[in-house]
Amino acid sequence: MELRFRISAEQCQALADRITAKRIARIAARKVAMQARIDAFFQRFLAFMLLVFPLAGAALVVLTMPSRGSVAGTLLPFVVVALIYGVLWWRCGAAVVRFILRIAQWLRARLDRVTDPFVANITRRSVRRSVARLEGLHRWALLPAALSVQVPSGKTAVIPWQKVARLHDLGDFYQLFTRTSSRLGLAYYLAKSSTEMDTQAYGDALRQLGERVPEQTAAA
């Protein structure tokens, strides 16, 4: 049994817009999650680092300087400075940490205003180039042992049924994922209706395909 359908330039544009919006949203969500982890790390350890590292650096300088007197005389200035620094940090450290975090957030927001449009533009161009290859006539053949998918360029992929993983409902299209392509987020696109075949015959072929796919999902 065969599925023949044609994807138009208008359908490609709509599909590209949908995929682009989804990818940009996924990128934004990942960035927010990463920034949350970074913020949590700095909120937990920044105060400790700003307290310990300057004192450790000062101690290292004192210990590596040539000694011109007793050890107690050499360490006394460091102890006095460390006590003063500790008292000041106890009183002002939390405010310093908050100030540094606010500066970091401000700088990150300015950077995002530059990088976000750039990332969105790159994503949009990449998706459009990929989706443009879908324009034209597609032929899917449901063979006993495999699914044969021929794209408009004439390139054909033969997928054993045991490697077919999931059929995802996008609305106007289905996405067919194999066990390999599912991990990579790649899919074959199948139109829900066709002007190349009789409506009933096309629907029967779609139902038969659905019966051979282990899992079917739909967009939320």
Protein backbone atom coordinates (compact mmCIF):
# COMPACT_ATOMS: atom_id res chain seq x y z
CA MET A 1 0.00 0.00 0.00
CA GLU A 2 1.20 3.50 -0.84
CA LEU A 3 0.77 7.01 0.55
CA ARG A 4 1.27 9.81 -1.97
CA PHE A 5 1.00 13.42 -0.86
CA ARG A 6 2.34 16.81 -1.85
CA ILE A 7 3.61 19.50 0.51
CA SER A 8 3.25 23.05 -0.83
CA ALA A 9 5.47 26.06 -0.27
CA GLU A 10 2.78 27.62 1.95
CA GLN A 11 2.62 24.50 4.08
CA CYS A 12 6.41 24.50 4.35
CA GLN A 13 6.34 28.10 5.56
CA ALA A 14 3.69 27.39 8.18
CA LEU A 15 5.52 24.28 9.32
CA ALA A 16 8.83 26.17 9.52
CA ASP A 17 7.22 28.90 11.63
CA ARG A 18 5.78 26.30 14.01
CA ILE A 19 9.05 24.40 14.36
CA THR A 20 11.03 27.64 14.80
CA ALA A 21 8.76 28.86 17.60
CA LYS A 22 9.04 25.50 19.36
CA ARG A 23 12.83 25.39 19.08
CA ILE A 24 13.26 28.98 20.27
CA ALA A 25 11.02 28.25 23.25
CA ARG A 26 13.05 25.11 24.04
CA ILE A 27 16.32 27.07 23.79
CA ALA A 28 14.92 29.78 26.08
CA ALA A 29 13.76 27.19 28.63
CA ARG A 30 17.18 25.53 28.66
CA LYS A 31 18.88 28.89 29.11
CA VAL A 32 16.60 29.81 32.00
CA ALA A 33 17.29 26.46 33.68
CA MET A 34 21.05 26.87 33.21
CA GLN A 35 20.96 30.43 34.57
CA ALA A 36 18.98 29.23 37.58
CA ARG A 37 21.66 26.63 38.33
CA ILE A 38 24.40 29.25 37.95
CA ASP A 39 22.55 31.69 40.22
CA ALA A 40 22.00 28.98 42.84
CA PHE A 41 25.70 28.11 42.77
CA PHE A 42 26.83 31.70 43.23
CA GLN A 43 24.25 32.43 45.91
CA ARG A 44 25.55 29.42 47.82
CA PHE A 45 29.30 29.87 47.37
CA LEU A 46 29.96 33.50 46.41
CA ALA A 47 30.00 34.75 50.01
CA PHE A 48 32.36 31.95 51.02
CA MET A 49 34.71 32.61 48.08
CA LEU A 50 34.82 36.38 48.67
CA LEU A 51 35.64 35.79 52.32
CA VAL A 52 38.18 32.99 52.03
CA PHE A 53 40.04 33.73 48.79
CA PRO A 54 41.31 37.24 49.75
CA LEU A 55 42.44 35.97 53.14
CA ALA A 56 44.10 32.93 51.59
CA GLY A 57 45.86 35.17 49.07
CA ALA A 58 47.07 37.52 51.77
CA ALA A 59 48.30 34.59 53.86
CA LEU A 60 50.18 33.19 50.88
CA VAL A 61 51.86 36.54 50.27
CA VAL A 62 52.92 36.80 53.92
CA LEU A 63 54.25 33.24 54.01
CA THR A 64 56.29 33.67 50.82
CA MET A 65 57.83 37.03 51.76
CA PRO A 66 61.42 36.98 53.08
CA SER A 67 61.31 36.97 56.87
CA ARG A 68 62.93 40.01 58.54
CA GLY A 69 62.03 39.19 62.08
CA SER A 70 60.25 36.65 64.20
CA VAL A 71 57.39 34.57 62.85
CA ALA A 72 55.01 36.24 65.30
CA GLY A 73 56.07 39.68 64.08
CA THR A 74 55.53 38.65 60.48
CA LEU A 75 52.10 37.12 61.08
CA LEU A 76 50.77 39.83 63.42
CA PRO A 77 49.89 42.35 60.65
CA PHE A 78 48.11 39.60 58.72
CA VAL A 79 46.12 38.55 61.80
CA VAL A 80 45.06 42.17 62.44
CA VAL A 81 44.04 42.68 58.82
CA ALA A 82 42.20 39.34 58.79
CA LEU A 83 40.24 40.28 61.91
CA ILE A 84 39.30 43.68 60.49
CA TYR A 85 38.33 42.10 57.16
CA GLY A 86 36.26 39.44 58.94
CA VAL A 87 34.36 42.03 61.00
CA LEU A 88 33.69 44.18 57.92
CA TRP A 89 32.57 41.12 55.97
CA TRP A 90 30.26 40.04 58.79
CA ARG A 91 28.58 43.45 58.68
CA CYS A 92 28.62 44.11 54.92
CA GLY A 93 29.21 40.78 53.19
CA ALA A 94 25.56 40.00 52.43
CA ALA A 95 25.08 43.43 50.84
CA VAL A 96 28.23 42.97 48.75
CA VAL A 97 27.01 39.61 47.49
CA ARG A 98 23.60 41.04 46.57
CA PHE A 99 25.26 43.92 44.74
CA ILE A 100 27.52 41.60 42.74
CA LEU A 101 24.58 39.36 41.81
CA ARG A 102 22.55 42.38 40.66
CA ILE A 103 25.46 43.55 38.50
CA ALA A 104 25.78 40.05 37.03
CA GLN A 105 22.06 39.92 36.24
CA TRP A 106 22.21 43.37 34.62
CA LEU A 107 25.16 42.36 32.45
CA ARG A 108 23.43 39.11 31.51
CA ALA A 109 20.25 40.95 30.52
CA ARG A 110 22.26 43.29 28.27
CA LEU A 111 24.02 40.29 26.72
CA ASP A 112 20.70 38.51 26.17
CA ARG A 113 19.33 41.51 24.26
CA VAL A 114 22.19 41.05 21.81
CA THR A 115 22.41 37.26 21.62
CA ASP A 116 18.70 36.30 21.70
CA PRO A 117 17.83 37.88 18.31
CA PHE A 118 21.00 36.40 16.82
CA VAL A 119 20.16 32.89 18.07
CA ALA A 120 16.55 33.25 16.88
CA ASN A 121 17.68 34.35 13.43
CA ILE A 122 20.15 31.46 13.10
CA THR A 123 17.47 29.00 14.25
CA ARG A 124 14.92 30.42 11.82
CA ARG A 125 17.29 30.17 8.85
CA SER A 126 18.34 26.64 9.75
CA VAL A 127 14.74 25.45 10.06
CA ARG A 128 13.68 27.10 6.82
CA ARG A 129 16.51 25.46 4.90
CA SER A 130 15.61 22.08 6.36
CA VAL A 131 11.84 22.38 5.84
CA ALA A 132 12.26 23.71 2.28
CA ARG A 133 13.44 20.21 1.28
CA LEU A 134 9.94 18.91 2.08
CA GLU A 135 8.29 20.87 -0.73
CA GLY A 136 7.05 18.56 -3.48
CA LEU A 137 5.71 15.04 -3.92
CA HIS A 138 6.31 12.36 -1.29
CA ARG A 139 5.78 8.61 -1.68
CA TRP A 140 5.52 6.28 1.28
CA ALA A 141 5.20 2.55 0.64
CA LEU A 142 3.97 0.21 3.39
CA LEU A 143 5.90 -2.98 2.68
CA PRO A 144 5.59 -6.24 4.64
CA ALA A 145 8.95 -5.85 6.36
CA ALA A 146 9.64 -2.13 6.18
CA LEU A 147 8.41 1.37 5.46
CA SER A 148 9.85 2.98 2.32
CA VAL A 149 9.94 6.79 2.40
CA GLN A 150 10.76 8.72 -0.77
CA VAL A 151 11.19 12.50 -0.46
CA PRO A 152 10.82 15.06 -3.29
CA SER A 153 14.53 14.93 -4.12
CA GLY A 154 14.11 11.25 -5.01
CA LYS A 155 16.12 10.01 -2.06
CA THR A 156 14.57 6.92 -0.47
CA ALA A 157 14.92 5.58 3.06
CA VAL A 158 13.84 2.04 3.92
CA ILE A 159 12.95 1.73 7.61
CA PRO A 160 12.35 -1.74 9.12
CA TRP A 161 9.11 -1.77 11.08
CA GLN A 162 10.91 -2.72 14.29
CA LYS A 163 12.85 0.54 14.08
CA VAL A 164 9.73 2.70 13.77
CA ALA A 165 9.15 4.25 17.20
CA ARG A 166 6.43 6.89 17.27
CA LEU A 167 3.83 8.78 15.24
CA HIS A 168 3.25 12.31 16.55
CA ASP A 169 0.15 14.34 15.62
CA LEU A 170 1.04 17.95 14.74
CA GLY A 171 -2.38 18.98 13.46
CA ASP A 172 -1.99 19.15 9.67
CA PHE A 173 0.92 16.71 9.67
CA TYR A 174 2.21 13.64 11.42
CA GLN A 175 5.82 13.29 12.50
CA LEU A 176 7.22 9.78 12.20
CA PHE A 177 10.15 9.06 14.51
CA THR A 178 12.49 6.10 14.31
CA ARG A 179 14.35 4.81 17.34
CA THR A 180 17.45 6.68 16.17
CA SER A 181 15.86 9.91 14.94
CA SER A 182 13.74 10.23 18.09
CA ARG A 183 16.88 10.69 20.19
CA LEU A 184 18.12 13.36 17.76
CA GLY A 185 14.77 15.17 17.51
CA LEU A 186 14.52 14.41 13.77
CA ALA A 187 11.41 13.13 12.01
CA TYR A 188 9.78 12.29 8.70
CA TYR A 189 6.74 14.45 7.88
CA LEU A 190 3.47 12.95 6.65
CA ALA A 191 0.48 15.03 5.51
CA LYS A 192 -2.91 14.14 7.01
CA SER A 193 -4.67 14.66 3.68
CA SER A 194 -3.63 14.37 0.05
CA THR A 195 -4.73 15.70 -3.34
CA GLU A 196 -2.70 12.96 -5.03
CA MET A 197 -4.91 10.09 -3.89
CA ASP A 198 -8.55 9.25 -3.29
CA THR A 199 -9.58 10.46 0.17
CA GLN A 200 -10.80 7.06 1.35
CA ALA A 201 -7.75 5.21 0.02
CA TYR A 202 -5.44 7.72 1.67
CA GLY A 203 -7.32 7.41 4.96
CA ASP A 204 -7.15 3.60 4.81
CA ALA A 205 -3.39 3.76 4.26
CA LEU A 206 -3.00 6.17 7.19
CA ARG A 207 -4.92 3.79 9.44
CA GLN A 208 -2.79 0.86 8.37
CA LEU A 209 0.35 2.87 9.07
CA GLY A 210 -0.96 3.79 12.52
CA GLU A 211 -1.54 0.11 13.29
CA ARG A 212 2.14 -0.62 12.60
CA VAL A 213 3.50 2.17 14.83
CA PRO A 214 4.03 1.20 18.52
CA GLU A 215 3.26 4.62 19.99
CA GLN A 216 1.12 7.57 18.93
CA THR A 217 1.26 10.98 20.59
CA ALA A 218 -0.34 14.38 20.05
CA ALA A 219 0.77 17.98 20.52
CA ALA A 220 -0.21 19.41 23.91
